[in-house]
N, C-alpha and C. Protein backbone atom coordinates (compact mmCIF):
# COMPACT_ATOMS: atom_id res chain seq x y z
N MET A 1 18.58 3.87 51.03
CA MET A 1 18.68 2.66 51.93
C MET A 1 17.69 1.84 51.31
N LYS A 2 18.41 0.67 51.45
CA LYS A 2 17.55 -0.45 50.70
C LYS A 2 17.63 -1.98 51.60
N ILE A 3 16.61 -1.99 52.34
CA ILE A 3 16.25 -3.12 53.16
C ILE A 3 15.80 -4.64 52.31
N LYS A 4 16.61 -5.32 52.21
CA LYS A 4 16.44 -6.75 52.13
C LYS A 4 16.48 -8.12 53.00
N ASN A 5 15.88 -8.99 52.82
CA ASN A 5 16.10 -10.11 53.78
C ASN A 5 17.07 -10.90 53.31
N LYS A 6 17.36 -11.24 51.56
CA LYS A 6 18.36 -11.89 51.05
C LYS A 6 18.83 -11.03 49.86
N ILE A 7 19.85 -11.32 49.21
CA ILE A 7 20.69 -10.47 48.21
C ILE A 7 19.47 -10.79 46.69
N ASP A 8 19.27 -11.47 46.60
CA ASP A 8 18.37 -11.85 45.37
C ASP A 8 16.77 -11.85 45.49
N SER A 9 16.19 -11.48 46.68
CA SER A 9 15.08 -11.23 46.94
C SER A 9 14.27 -10.20 46.25
N SER A 10 12.98 -10.18 45.76
CA SER A 10 12.01 -9.21 45.08
C SER A 10 11.16 -8.33 46.52
N VAL A 11 11.69 -8.74 47.52
CA VAL A 11 10.85 -8.21 48.66
C VAL A 11 11.87 -7.17 49.52
N PHE A 12 11.45 -6.14 49.48
CA PHE A 12 12.35 -4.89 49.64
C PHE A 12 11.79 -3.50 50.50
N ILE A 13 12.46 -2.82 51.09
CA ILE A 13 11.80 -1.47 51.32
C ILE A 13 12.90 -0.75 51.41
N GLU A 14 12.59 0.39 50.34
CA GLU A 14 13.53 1.38 49.84
C GLU A 14 13.18 2.74 50.29
N ALA A 15 14.04 3.51 50.58
CA ALA A 15 13.78 4.91 51.10
C ALA A 15 14.99 5.81 50.73
N ASP A 16 14.74 7.15 50.07
CA ASP A 16 15.67 8.15 50.06
C ASP A 16 15.23 9.37 50.10
N THR A 17 15.70 10.48 50.06
CA THR A 17 15.19 11.97 50.24
C THR A 17 13.94 12.07 49.24
N ASP A 18 13.92 11.48 47.97
CA ASP A 18 12.78 11.83 47.11
C ASP A 18 11.69 10.86 47.14
N ALA A 19 11.90 9.62 47.58
CA ALA A 19 11.02 8.59 47.43
C ALA A 19 10.94 7.55 48.30
N ALA A 20 10.00 6.66 48.23
CA ALA A 20 10.00 5.68 49.41
C ALA A 20 9.25 4.52 48.34
N ARG A 21 9.72 3.22 48.83
CA ARG A 21 9.04 2.10 48.22
C ARG A 21 8.73 0.84 49.11
N ILE A 22 7.86 0.31 49.06
CA ILE A 22 7.54 -0.91 49.62
C ILE A 22 7.22 -2.07 48.79
N ALA A 23 7.81 -3.26 48.38
CA ALA A 23 7.53 -4.02 47.24
C ALA A 23 7.80 -5.39 47.94
N ALA A 24 6.79 -6.25 47.07
CA ALA A 24 6.86 -7.80 47.33
C ALA A 24 6.38 -8.34 45.78
N GLY A 25 7.71 -8.55 45.20
CA GLY A 25 7.48 -8.93 43.88
C GLY A 25 6.60 -7.86 43.18
N ALA A 26 5.57 -8.30 42.24
CA ALA A 26 4.91 -7.28 41.34
C ALA A 26 4.02 -6.35 42.13
N VAL A 27 3.78 -6.71 43.29
CA VAL A 27 2.83 -5.73 44.22
C VAL A 27 3.82 -4.94 45.08
N SER A 28 3.50 -3.31 44.66
CA SER A 28 4.36 -2.50 45.45
C SER A 28 3.62 -1.11 45.67
N VAL A 29 4.19 -0.44 46.68
CA VAL A 29 3.60 1.07 46.90
C VAL A 29 5.00 1.87 46.83
N THR A 30 4.41 2.80 46.04
CA THR A 30 5.81 4.10 45.75
C THR A 30 5.25 5.10 46.02
N VAL A 31 6.02 6.17 46.79
CA VAL A 31 5.40 7.54 46.93
C VAL A 31 6.78 8.29 46.45
N ASP A 32 6.64 8.99 45.54
CA ASP A 32 7.67 10.03 44.81
C ASP A 32 7.46 11.44 45.23
N ARG A 33 8.33 12.07 45.44
CA ARG A 33 8.01 13.41 45.72
C ARG A 33 7.39 14.37 44.50
N GLU A 34 7.92 13.78 43.33
CA GLU A 34 7.70 14.71 42.08
C GLU A 34 6.52 14.25 41.38
N ALA A 35 6.41 12.48 41.16
CA ALA A 35 5.40 11.86 40.17
C ALA A 35 4.13 11.63 41.38
N GLY A 36 4.42 11.54 42.64
CA GLY A 36 3.09 11.20 43.26
C GLY A 36 3.10 9.80 43.71
N ALA A 37 2.03 9.37 44.10
CA ALA A 37 1.68 7.64 44.64
C ALA A 37 1.44 6.97 43.62
N PHE A 38 1.87 5.93 43.51
CA PHE A 38 1.72 4.63 42.77
C PHE A 38 1.54 3.48 43.64
N ILE A 39 0.31 2.50 43.29
CA ILE A 39 -0.09 1.43 43.80
C ILE A 39 -0.08 0.36 42.61
N ASN A 40 0.74 -0.71 42.92
CA ASN A 40 0.66 -1.66 41.79
C ASN A 40 0.24 -2.85 42.39
N GLY A 41 -0.81 -3.40 42.03
CA GLY A 41 -1.62 -4.49 42.46
C GLY A 41 -3.01 -4.38 42.69
N ALA A 42 -3.94 -5.08 43.25
CA ALA A 42 -5.17 -4.81 43.47
C ALA A 42 -5.37 -3.80 44.79
N LEU A 43 -6.55 -2.91 44.62
CA LEU A 43 -6.88 -1.89 45.38
C LEU A 43 -8.11 -2.18 46.07
N SER A 44 -8.25 -2.07 47.17
CA SER A 44 -9.61 -2.04 47.81
C SER A 44 -9.91 -0.60 48.85
N ILE A 45 -10.95 -0.51 48.61
CA ILE A 45 -11.28 0.92 49.18
C ILE A 45 -12.17 0.63 50.01
N SER A 46 -12.24 0.35 51.45
CA SER A 46 -13.32 0.17 52.10
C SER A 46 -13.82 1.11 53.09
N SER A 47 -14.62 2.14 52.29
CA SER A 47 -15.30 3.21 52.62
C SER A 47 -16.31 3.54 51.46
N GLY A 48 -17.54 4.26 52.26
CA GLY A 48 -18.45 4.71 51.27
C GLY A 48 -18.38 5.72 50.43
N VAL A 49 -19.19 5.85 49.26
CA VAL A 49 -18.75 6.86 48.33
C VAL A 49 -18.92 8.24 48.88
N PRO A 50 -19.39 8.73 49.84
CA PRO A 50 -19.47 10.16 50.73
C PRO A 50 -18.16 10.46 51.58
N ASN A 51 -17.17 9.46 51.56
CA ASN A 51 -16.35 9.41 52.41
C ASN A 51 -15.04 9.45 51.62
N ILE A 52 -15.15 9.59 50.20
CA ILE A 52 -13.89 9.26 49.40
C ILE A 52 -13.60 11.08 49.05
N ARG A 53 -12.53 11.29 49.38
CA ARG A 53 -12.15 12.70 48.82
C ARG A 53 -11.17 12.82 47.67
N ILE A 54 -11.30 13.71 46.94
CA ILE A 54 -10.42 13.99 45.88
C ILE A 54 -9.71 15.39 46.05
N GLY A 55 -8.70 15.55 46.75
CA GLY A 55 -8.09 16.85 46.87
C GLY A 55 -8.41 17.33 48.30
N PRO A 56 -8.17 18.35 48.71
CA PRO A 56 -8.41 18.89 49.95
C PRO A 56 -10.07 19.69 50.16
N ILE A 57 -10.78 19.36 49.16
CA ILE A 57 -12.00 20.19 49.34
C ILE A 57 -12.98 19.64 48.45
N HIS A 58 -12.73 18.85 47.42
CA HIS A 58 -13.71 17.90 46.87
C HIS A 58 -14.06 16.63 47.72
N LYS A 59 -15.27 16.22 47.38
CA LYS A 59 -15.65 14.89 47.59
C LYS A 59 -16.69 14.37 46.72
N PHE A 60 -17.10 12.84 46.65
CA PHE A 60 -18.06 12.82 45.94
C PHE A 60 -19.55 13.11 46.33
N ASN A 61 -20.40 13.64 45.44
CA ASN A 61 -21.64 13.84 45.79
C ASN A 61 -22.47 12.40 45.91
N PRO A 62 -23.09 12.36 47.24
CA PRO A 62 -23.82 11.38 47.58
C PRO A 62 -25.25 11.09 46.76
N LEU A 63 -25.41 11.93 45.99
CA LEU A 63 -26.59 11.89 44.99
C LEU A 63 -26.16 10.75 43.86
N THR A 64 -24.93 10.77 43.62
CA THR A 64 -24.51 10.06 42.46
C THR A 64 -24.89 8.47 42.46
N ILE A 65 -24.86 8.15 43.82
CA ILE A 65 -25.31 6.40 43.94
C ILE A 65 -26.79 6.33 43.93
N SER A 66 -27.34 7.40 43.98
CA SER A 66 -28.85 7.24 44.15
C SER A 66 -29.77 6.86 43.05
N CYS A 67 -28.78 6.71 41.78
CA CYS A 67 -29.63 6.12 40.74
C CYS A 67 -30.58 7.18 39.97
N VAL A 68 -30.19 8.19 40.38
CA VAL A 68 -31.20 9.29 39.69
C VAL A 68 -30.11 9.89 38.60
N PRO A 69 -30.55 9.85 37.29
CA PRO A 69 -29.76 10.19 36.23
C PRO A 69 -29.46 11.87 36.07
N SER A 70 -28.18 12.06 35.68
CA SER A 70 -28.08 13.61 35.80
C SER A 70 -28.43 13.84 34.14
N THR A 71 -29.20 14.72 34.06
CA THR A 71 -29.87 15.15 32.88
C THR A 71 -29.84 16.74 32.47
N LEU A 72 -30.13 17.36 31.36
CA LEU A 72 -30.42 18.70 31.35
C LEU A 72 -31.23 19.38 32.35
N VAL A 73 -32.40 18.64 32.58
CA VAL A 73 -33.49 19.30 33.35
C VAL A 73 -32.92 18.93 35.09
N THR A 74 -32.35 17.85 35.29
CA THR A 74 -31.83 17.57 36.51
C THR A 74 -30.37 17.05 36.82
N PRO A 75 -29.56 18.44 36.66
CA PRO A 75 -28.17 18.16 36.49
C PRO A 75 -27.68 17.57 38.02
N ILE A 76 -26.85 16.89 38.09
CA ILE A 76 -26.10 16.24 39.37
C ILE A 76 -24.74 16.35 39.15
N SER A 77 -23.93 17.32 39.93
CA SER A 77 -22.54 16.90 39.68
C SER A 77 -22.11 15.89 40.48
N THR A 78 -20.78 15.53 39.78
CA THR A 78 -20.29 14.47 40.65
C THR A 78 -19.24 14.68 41.59
N PHE A 79 -18.95 15.97 42.03
CA PHE A 79 -18.14 15.86 43.35
C PHE A 79 -18.95 17.04 43.58
N ILE A 80 -18.85 17.53 44.93
CA ILE A 80 -19.25 18.58 45.78
C ILE A 80 -18.31 19.27 46.45
N PHE A 81 -18.17 20.49 46.85
CA PHE A 81 -17.31 21.10 47.85
C PHE A 81 -17.51 20.80 49.42
N ASP A 82 -16.36 20.49 49.99
CA ASP A 82 -16.63 20.24 51.30
C ASP A 82 -15.36 20.81 52.03
N ILE A 83 -15.32 21.95 52.53
CA ILE A 83 -14.18 22.59 53.06
C ILE A 83 -14.05 21.85 54.56
N PRO A 84 -13.02 21.30 54.83
CA PRO A 84 -12.89 20.84 56.41
C PRO A 84 -13.02 21.97 57.30
N ALA A 85 -13.76 21.29 58.23
CA ALA A 85 -13.95 22.58 59.43
C ALA A 85 -13.06 23.40 59.93
N LYS A 86 -11.78 22.62 60.18
CA LYS A 86 -10.66 23.21 60.71
C LYS A 86 -10.03 24.54 59.91
N HIS A 87 -10.43 24.34 58.47
CA HIS A 87 -9.81 25.44 57.57
C HIS A 87 -10.81 26.54 57.33
N ALA A 88 -12.04 26.17 57.96
CA ALA A 88 -13.49 27.22 57.69
C ALA A 88 -13.31 28.91 58.31
N ILE A 89 -12.71 28.59 59.46
CA ILE A 89 -12.38 30.12 60.08
C ILE A 89 -11.12 30.75 59.46
N ALA A 90 -10.48 30.11 58.77
CA ALA A 90 -9.11 30.94 57.96
C ALA A 90 -9.83 31.05 56.44
N THR A 91 -10.68 30.34 55.82
CA THR A 91 -11.53 30.70 54.84
C THR A 91 -12.43 31.81 55.11
N ALA A 92 -13.06 31.75 56.16
CA ALA A 92 -14.01 32.99 56.26
C ALA A 92 -13.29 34.25 56.66
N ALA A 93 -11.81 34.17 57.36
CA ALA A 93 -11.13 35.57 57.26
C ALA A 93 -10.41 35.77 56.18
N LEU A 94 -10.11 34.77 55.43
CA LEU A 94 -9.60 35.34 53.91
C LEU A 94 -10.86 35.70 53.36
N GLY A 95 -11.81 35.51 53.43
CA GLY A 95 -13.19 36.06 52.37
C GLY A 95 -13.38 37.51 52.97
N ALA A 96 -13.37 37.75 54.62
CA ALA A 96 -13.73 38.85 55.02
C ALA A 96 -12.48 40.14 54.74
N LEU A 97 -11.35 39.35 54.63
CA LEU A 97 -10.32 40.23 54.20
C LEU A 97 -10.29 41.02 52.40
N LEU A 98 -10.51 40.02 51.85
CA LEU A 98 -10.98 40.27 50.52
C LEU A 98 -12.32 41.16 50.04
N ARG A 99 -13.46 40.78 50.85
CA ARG A 99 -14.64 42.00 50.84
C ARG A 99 -14.16 43.44 51.01
N SER A 100 -13.33 43.28 52.12
CA SER A 100 -13.03 44.65 52.78
C SER A 100 -11.88 45.42 51.65
N THR A 101 -11.36 45.00 50.41
CA THR A 101 -10.46 45.33 49.73
C THR A 101 -11.21 46.07 48.73
N LEU A 102 -12.61 45.54 48.38
CA LEU A 102 -13.42 46.17 47.45
C LEU A 102 -14.15 47.33 47.53
């Protein structure tokens, strides 16, 4: 399904079973089931570094913005593990199950 306000317009909303796209000329947001999400155009993230997550359990380490260099003596990882609280009970139960099999 494709929705346009004029036949020759470059502004449209398109959706099907595998993808969705909102476009306005060269600026668009596309979400594809297999390829992922694409943002064409300028991107602004209005959040602090500690609130940016990469995947379900990784987030940026707040020490990376403290200007302390990462060296062999003081290694600082870029990402830290941050398991969401709602999954902590399931993770603990899985850990207990795995420990009981050993």
